[in-house]
Amino acid sequence: MDNQMHLARLCYNPDFEKLKPEYLEALPAMLKFYLQFLGKQPRFLGDKITLVDFIAYDVLERNQVFEPKCLDAFPNLKDFISRFEGLEISHSTK
């Protein structure tokens, strides 16, 4: 959650343009933590999707929207995003 709040505070800060380079400089280190936690697993806690995957997706996707090339150095995170976006949604009719 801290990552989401940091980005939100940056985007709504009147000094956005001044603060943006500092955020982008720190972004790879933050993404590296996600990469290390994910490792070579398909999801953050193993094979089954959990709440952690939804939170991580939200953080990663928002940063990718903010800086489209931010995940280029992290192919495992890009693959995670693709797998998450490819999930089939089941709708209950009951």
N, C-alpha and C. Protein backbone atom coordinates (compact mmCIF):
# COMPACT_ATOMS: atom_id res chain seq x y z
N MET A 1 0.81 -1.20 0.00
CA MET A 1 0.00 0.00 0.00
C MET A 1 0.85 1.26 0.00
N ASP A 2 1.98 1.21 0.63
CA ASP A 2 2.83 2.40 0.68
C ASP A 2 3.19 2.87 -0.72
N ASN A 3 3.42 1.93 -1.62
CA ASN A 3 3.76 2.29 -3.00
C ASN A 3 2.61 3.03 -3.68
N GLN A 4 1.40 2.58 -3.45
CA GLN A 4 0.24 3.25 -4.04
C GLN A 4 0.10 4.67 -3.50
N MET A 5 0.25 4.81 -2.20
CA MET A 5 0.11 6.13 -1.59
C MET A 5 1.21 7.08 -2.05
N HIS A 6 2.41 6.56 -2.19
CA HIS A 6 3.53 7.39 -2.66
C HIS A 6 3.22 7.94 -4.05
N LEU A 7 2.75 7.10 -4.94
CA LEU A 7 2.42 7.54 -6.29
C LEU A 7 1.25 8.52 -6.28
N ALA A 8 0.23 8.24 -5.48
CA ALA A 8 -0.92 9.14 -5.41
C ALA A 8 -0.52 10.51 -4.88
N ARG A 9 0.30 10.52 -3.83
CA ARG A 9 0.76 11.80 -3.29
C ARG A 9 1.56 12.58 -4.32
N LEU A 10 2.39 11.87 -5.07
CA LEU A 10 3.17 12.52 -6.11
C LEU A 10 2.26 13.15 -7.16
N CYS A 11 1.29 12.39 -7.63
CA CYS A 11 0.43 12.85 -8.72
C CYS A 11 -0.43 14.05 -8.33
N TYR A 12 -0.78 14.16 -7.06
CA TYR A 12 -1.62 15.27 -6.61
C TYR A 12 -0.81 16.41 -5.99
N ASN A 13 0.50 16.29 -5.99
CA ASN A 13 1.36 17.31 -5.41
C ASN A 13 1.50 18.48 -6.38
N PRO A 14 1.38 19.71 -5.90
CA PRO A 14 1.56 20.87 -6.78
C PRO A 14 2.96 20.93 -7.40
N ASP A 15 3.93 20.28 -6.75
CA ASP A 15 5.30 20.24 -7.26
C ASP A 15 5.58 18.97 -8.06
N PHE A 16 4.53 18.41 -8.67
CA PHE A 16 4.63 17.15 -9.40
C PHE A 16 5.84 17.09 -10.34
N GLU A 17 5.98 18.07 -11.21
CA GLU A 17 7.06 18.04 -12.20
C GLU A 17 8.43 18.05 -11.54
N LYS A 18 8.54 18.72 -10.43
CA LYS A 18 9.82 18.79 -9.71
C LYS A 18 10.13 17.45 -9.01
N LEU A 19 9.10 16.79 -8.50
CA LEU A 19 9.27 15.55 -7.73
C LEU A 19 9.29 14.29 -8.59
N LYS A 20 8.76 14.36 -9.79
CA LYS A 20 8.65 13.18 -10.66
C LYS A 20 10.00 12.51 -10.92
N PRO A 21 11.08 13.24 -11.25
CA PRO A 21 12.36 12.56 -11.51
C PRO A 21 12.88 11.75 -10.31
N GLU A 22 12.66 12.27 -9.12
CA GLU A 22 13.10 11.55 -7.92
C GLU A 22 12.32 10.24 -7.76
N TYR A 23 11.02 10.29 -8.02
CA TYR A 23 10.19 9.08 -7.94
C TYR A 23 10.66 8.05 -8.97
N LEU A 24 10.88 8.52 -10.21
CA LEU A 24 11.30 7.60 -11.27
C LEU A 24 12.67 7.00 -10.98
N GLU A 25 13.51 7.75 -10.32
CA GLU A 25 14.84 7.23 -9.96
C GLU A 25 14.73 6.12 -8.91
N ALA A 26 13.79 6.26 -7.98
CA ALA A 26 13.61 5.27 -6.92
C ALA A 26 12.76 4.08 -7.37
N LEU A 27 12.03 4.22 -8.45
CA LEU A 27 11.09 3.19 -8.90
C LEU A 27 11.74 1.82 -9.16
N PRO A 28 12.88 1.73 -9.84
CA PRO A 28 13.47 0.41 -10.07
C PRO A 28 13.78 -0.36 -8.77
N ALA A 29 14.23 0.34 -7.75
CA ALA A 29 14.52 -0.33 -6.47
C ALA A 29 13.24 -0.89 -5.86
N MET A 30 12.14 -0.14 -5.96
CA MET A 30 10.87 -0.61 -5.43
C MET A 30 10.38 -1.82 -6.22
N LEU A 31 10.51 -1.75 -7.54
CA LEU A 31 10.08 -2.87 -8.38
C LEU A 31 10.93 -4.11 -8.13
N LYS A 32 12.17 -3.91 -7.78
CA LYS A 32 13.06 -5.05 -7.50
C LYS A 32 12.55 -5.85 -6.30
N PHE A 33 11.96 -5.17 -5.31
CA PHE A 33 11.38 -5.89 -4.17
C PHE A 33 10.25 -6.81 -4.64
N TYR A 34 9.41 -6.32 -5.52
CA TYR A 34 8.32 -7.14 -6.06
C TYR A 34 8.90 -8.32 -6.85
N LEU A 35 9.92 -8.05 -7.63
CA LEU A 35 10.56 -9.11 -8.42
C LEU A 35 11.14 -10.19 -7.52
N GLN A 36 11.82 -9.78 -6.47
CA GLN A 36 12.42 -10.75 -5.55
C GLN A 36 11.36 -11.59 -4.85
N PHE A 37 10.26 -10.97 -4.48
CA PHE A 37 9.19 -11.70 -3.81
C PHE A 37 8.50 -12.66 -4.76
N LEU A 38 8.26 -12.21 -5.99
CA LEU A 38 7.61 -13.07 -6.99
C LEU A 38 8.53 -14.22 -7.40
N GLY A 39 9.80 -13.91 -7.60
CA GLY A 39 10.74 -14.94 -8.05
C GLY A 39 10.31 -15.53 -9.37
N LYS A 40 10.33 -16.84 -9.47
CA LYS A 40 9.92 -17.52 -10.69
C LYS A 40 8.52 -18.13 -10.57
N GLN A 41 7.84 -17.78 -9.49
CA GLN A 41 6.48 -18.28 -9.28
C GLN A 41 5.51 -17.60 -10.25
N PRO A 42 4.42 -18.26 -10.58
CA PRO A 42 3.43 -17.62 -11.45
C PRO A 42 2.63 -16.54 -10.72
N ARG A 43 2.52 -16.68 -9.40
CA ARG A 43 1.77 -15.72 -8.57
C ARG A 43 2.59 -15.44 -7.31
N PHE A 44 2.23 -14.42 -6.59
CA PHE A 44 3.05 -13.99 -5.47
C PHE A 44 3.11 -14.99 -4.32
N LEU A 45 2.07 -15.80 -4.15
CA LEU A 45 2.10 -16.79 -3.07
C LEU A 45 2.05 -18.21 -3.61
N GLY A 46 2.48 -18.40 -4.83
CA GLY A 46 2.52 -19.75 -5.39
C GLY A 46 1.66 -19.89 -6.62
N ASP A 47 0.99 -21.03 -6.72
CA ASP A 47 0.21 -21.34 -7.92
C ASP A 47 -1.20 -20.74 -7.92
N LYS A 48 -1.77 -20.58 -6.75
CA LYS A 48 -3.15 -20.10 -6.68
C LYS A 48 -3.18 -18.58 -6.50
N ILE A 49 -4.16 -17.96 -7.14
CA ILE A 49 -4.31 -16.51 -7.02
C ILE A 49 -4.84 -16.15 -5.63
N THR A 50 -4.29 -15.09 -5.06
CA THR A 50 -4.70 -14.63 -3.75
C THR A 50 -4.90 -13.12 -3.78
N LEU A 51 -5.34 -12.57 -2.68
CA LEU A 51 -5.52 -11.14 -2.55
C LEU A 51 -4.21 -10.39 -2.83
N VAL A 52 -3.11 -10.98 -2.44
CA VAL A 52 -1.80 -10.36 -2.65
C VAL A 52 -1.57 -10.07 -4.14
N ASP A 53 -2.00 -10.97 -5.00
CA ASP A 53 -1.83 -10.78 -6.44
C ASP A 53 -2.64 -9.59 -6.94
N PHE A 54 -3.82 -9.39 -6.40
CA PHE A 54 -4.64 -8.24 -6.80
C PHE A 54 -3.98 -6.93 -6.38
N ILE A 55 -3.45 -6.90 -5.17
CA ILE A 55 -2.79 -5.70 -4.68
C ILE A 55 -1.53 -5.42 -5.49
N ALA A 56 -0.73 -6.46 -5.70
CA ALA A 56 0.52 -6.29 -6.47
C ALA A 56 0.22 -5.85 -7.89
N TYR A 57 -0.81 -6.45 -8.50
CA TYR A 57 -1.17 -6.05 -9.86
C TYR A 57 -1.52 -4.57 -9.90
N ASP A 58 -2.31 -4.12 -8.95
CA ASP A 58 -2.73 -2.73 -8.91
C ASP A 58 -1.52 -1.79 -8.84
N VAL A 59 -0.59 -2.11 -7.97
CA VAL A 59 0.62 -1.28 -7.82
C VAL A 59 1.44 -1.30 -9.11
N LEU A 60 1.67 -2.47 -9.64
CA LEU A 60 2.50 -2.59 -10.85
C LEU A 60 1.85 -1.93 -12.06
N GLU A 61 0.56 -2.15 -12.22
CA GLU A 61 -0.14 -1.59 -13.37
C GLU A 61 -0.20 -0.07 -13.32
N ARG A 62 -0.44 0.48 -12.13
CA ARG A 62 -0.48 1.94 -12.00
C ARG A 62 0.88 2.56 -12.32
N ASN A 63 1.93 1.90 -11.88
CA ASN A 63 3.27 2.42 -12.19
C ASN A 63 3.58 2.29 -13.67
N GLN A 64 3.07 1.23 -14.29
CA GLN A 64 3.29 1.04 -15.72
C GLN A 64 2.51 2.09 -16.52
N VAL A 65 1.36 2.49 -16.05
CA VAL A 65 0.61 3.56 -16.69
C VAL A 65 1.37 4.88 -16.52
N PHE A 66 1.89 5.09 -15.32
CA PHE A 66 2.64 6.31 -15.02
C PHE A 66 3.91 6.41 -15.85
N GLU A 67 4.65 5.29 -15.93
CA GLU A 67 5.89 5.23 -16.71
C GLU A 67 5.87 3.92 -17.50
N PRO A 68 5.41 3.94 -18.75
CA PRO A 68 5.20 2.72 -19.53
C PRO A 68 6.41 1.79 -19.64
N LYS A 69 7.60 2.30 -19.56
CA LYS A 69 8.79 1.46 -19.71
C LYS A 69 9.35 0.96 -18.39
N CYS A 70 8.68 1.24 -17.28
CA CYS A 70 9.24 0.92 -15.96
C CYS A 70 9.44 -0.58 -15.73
N LEU A 71 8.68 -1.42 -16.41
CA LEU A 71 8.81 -2.87 -16.21
C LEU A 71 9.70 -3.53 -17.26
N ASP A 72 10.25 -2.76 -18.17
CA ASP A 72 11.08 -3.35 -19.23
C ASP A 72 12.27 -4.14 -18.69
N ALA A 73 12.82 -3.72 -17.58
CA ALA A 73 13.96 -4.42 -16.99
C ALA A 73 13.54 -5.57 -16.08
N PHE A 74 12.23 -5.80 -15.99
CA PHE A 74 11.70 -6.82 -15.09
C PHE A 74 10.74 -7.75 -15.83
N PRO A 75 11.26 -8.63 -16.68
CA PRO A 75 10.38 -9.49 -17.49
C PRO A 75 9.44 -10.37 -16.66
N ASN A 76 9.87 -10.81 -15.48
CA ASN A 76 8.98 -11.64 -14.65
C ASN A 76 7.76 -10.84 -14.21
N LEU A 77 7.94 -9.57 -13.91
CA LEU A 77 6.82 -8.73 -13.50
C LEU A 77 5.90 -8.46 -14.70
N LYS A 78 6.48 -8.25 -15.87
CA LYS A 78 5.67 -8.07 -17.07
C LYS A 78 4.86 -9.33 -17.36
N ASP A 79 5.49 -10.49 -17.17
CA ASP A 79 4.78 -11.76 -17.38
C ASP A 79 3.64 -11.92 -16.37
N PHE A 80 3.90 -11.51 -15.12
CA PHE A 80 2.85 -11.56 -14.10
C PHE A 80 1.66 -10.70 -14.53
N ILE A 81 1.93 -9.49 -15.00
CA ILE A 81 0.87 -8.59 -15.47
C ILE A 81 0.07 -9.28 -16.59
N SER A 82 0.76 -9.87 -17.53
CA SER A 82 0.07 -10.55 -18.65
C SER A 82 -0.78 -11.71 -18.16
N ARG A 83 -0.23 -12.52 -17.25
CA ARG A 83 -1.01 -13.65 -16.72
C ARG A 83 -2.24 -13.15 -15.97
N PHE A 84 -2.06 -12.10 -15.17
CA PHE A 84 -3.17 -11.56 -14.40
C PHE A 84 -4.25 -11.02 -15.32
N GLU A 85 -3.85 -10.29 -16.33
CA GLU A 85 -4.82 -9.72 -17.26
C GLU A 85 -5.49 -10.79 -18.12
N GLY A 86 -4.88 -11.96 -18.22
CA GLY A 86 -5.45 -13.05 -18.99
C GLY A 86 -6.36 -13.95 -18.19
N LEU A 87 -6.57 -13.65 -16.92
CA LEU A 87 -7.43 -14.48 -16.09
C LEU A 87 -8.86 -14.46 -16.61
N GLU A 88 -9.48 -15.60 -16.58
CA GLU A 88 -10.88 -15.67 -16.97
C GLU A 88 -11.73 -15.39 -15.73
N ILE A 89 -12.75 -14.61 -15.92
CA ILE A 89 -13.63 -14.24 -14.81
C ILE A 89 -14.87 -15.11 -14.88
N SER A 90 -15.19 -15.75 -13.79
CA SER A 90 -16.37 -16.58 -13.71
C SER A 90 -17.49 -15.79 -13.04
N HIS A 91 -18.62 -15.74 -13.68
CA HIS A 91 -19.78 -15.03 -13.13
C HIS A 91 -20.78 -16.06 -12.61
N SER A 92 -21.14 -15.90 -11.38
CA SER A 92 -22.13 -16.80 -10.79
C SER A 92 -23.53 -16.34 -11.18
N THR A 93 -24.36 -17.29 -11.54
CA THR A 93 -25.74 -16.96 -11.92
C THR A 93 -26.72 -17.31 -10.81
N LYS A 94 -26.21 -17.67 -9.67
CA LYS A 94 -27.08 -18.05 -8.55
C LYS A 94 -27.51 -16.85 -7.76
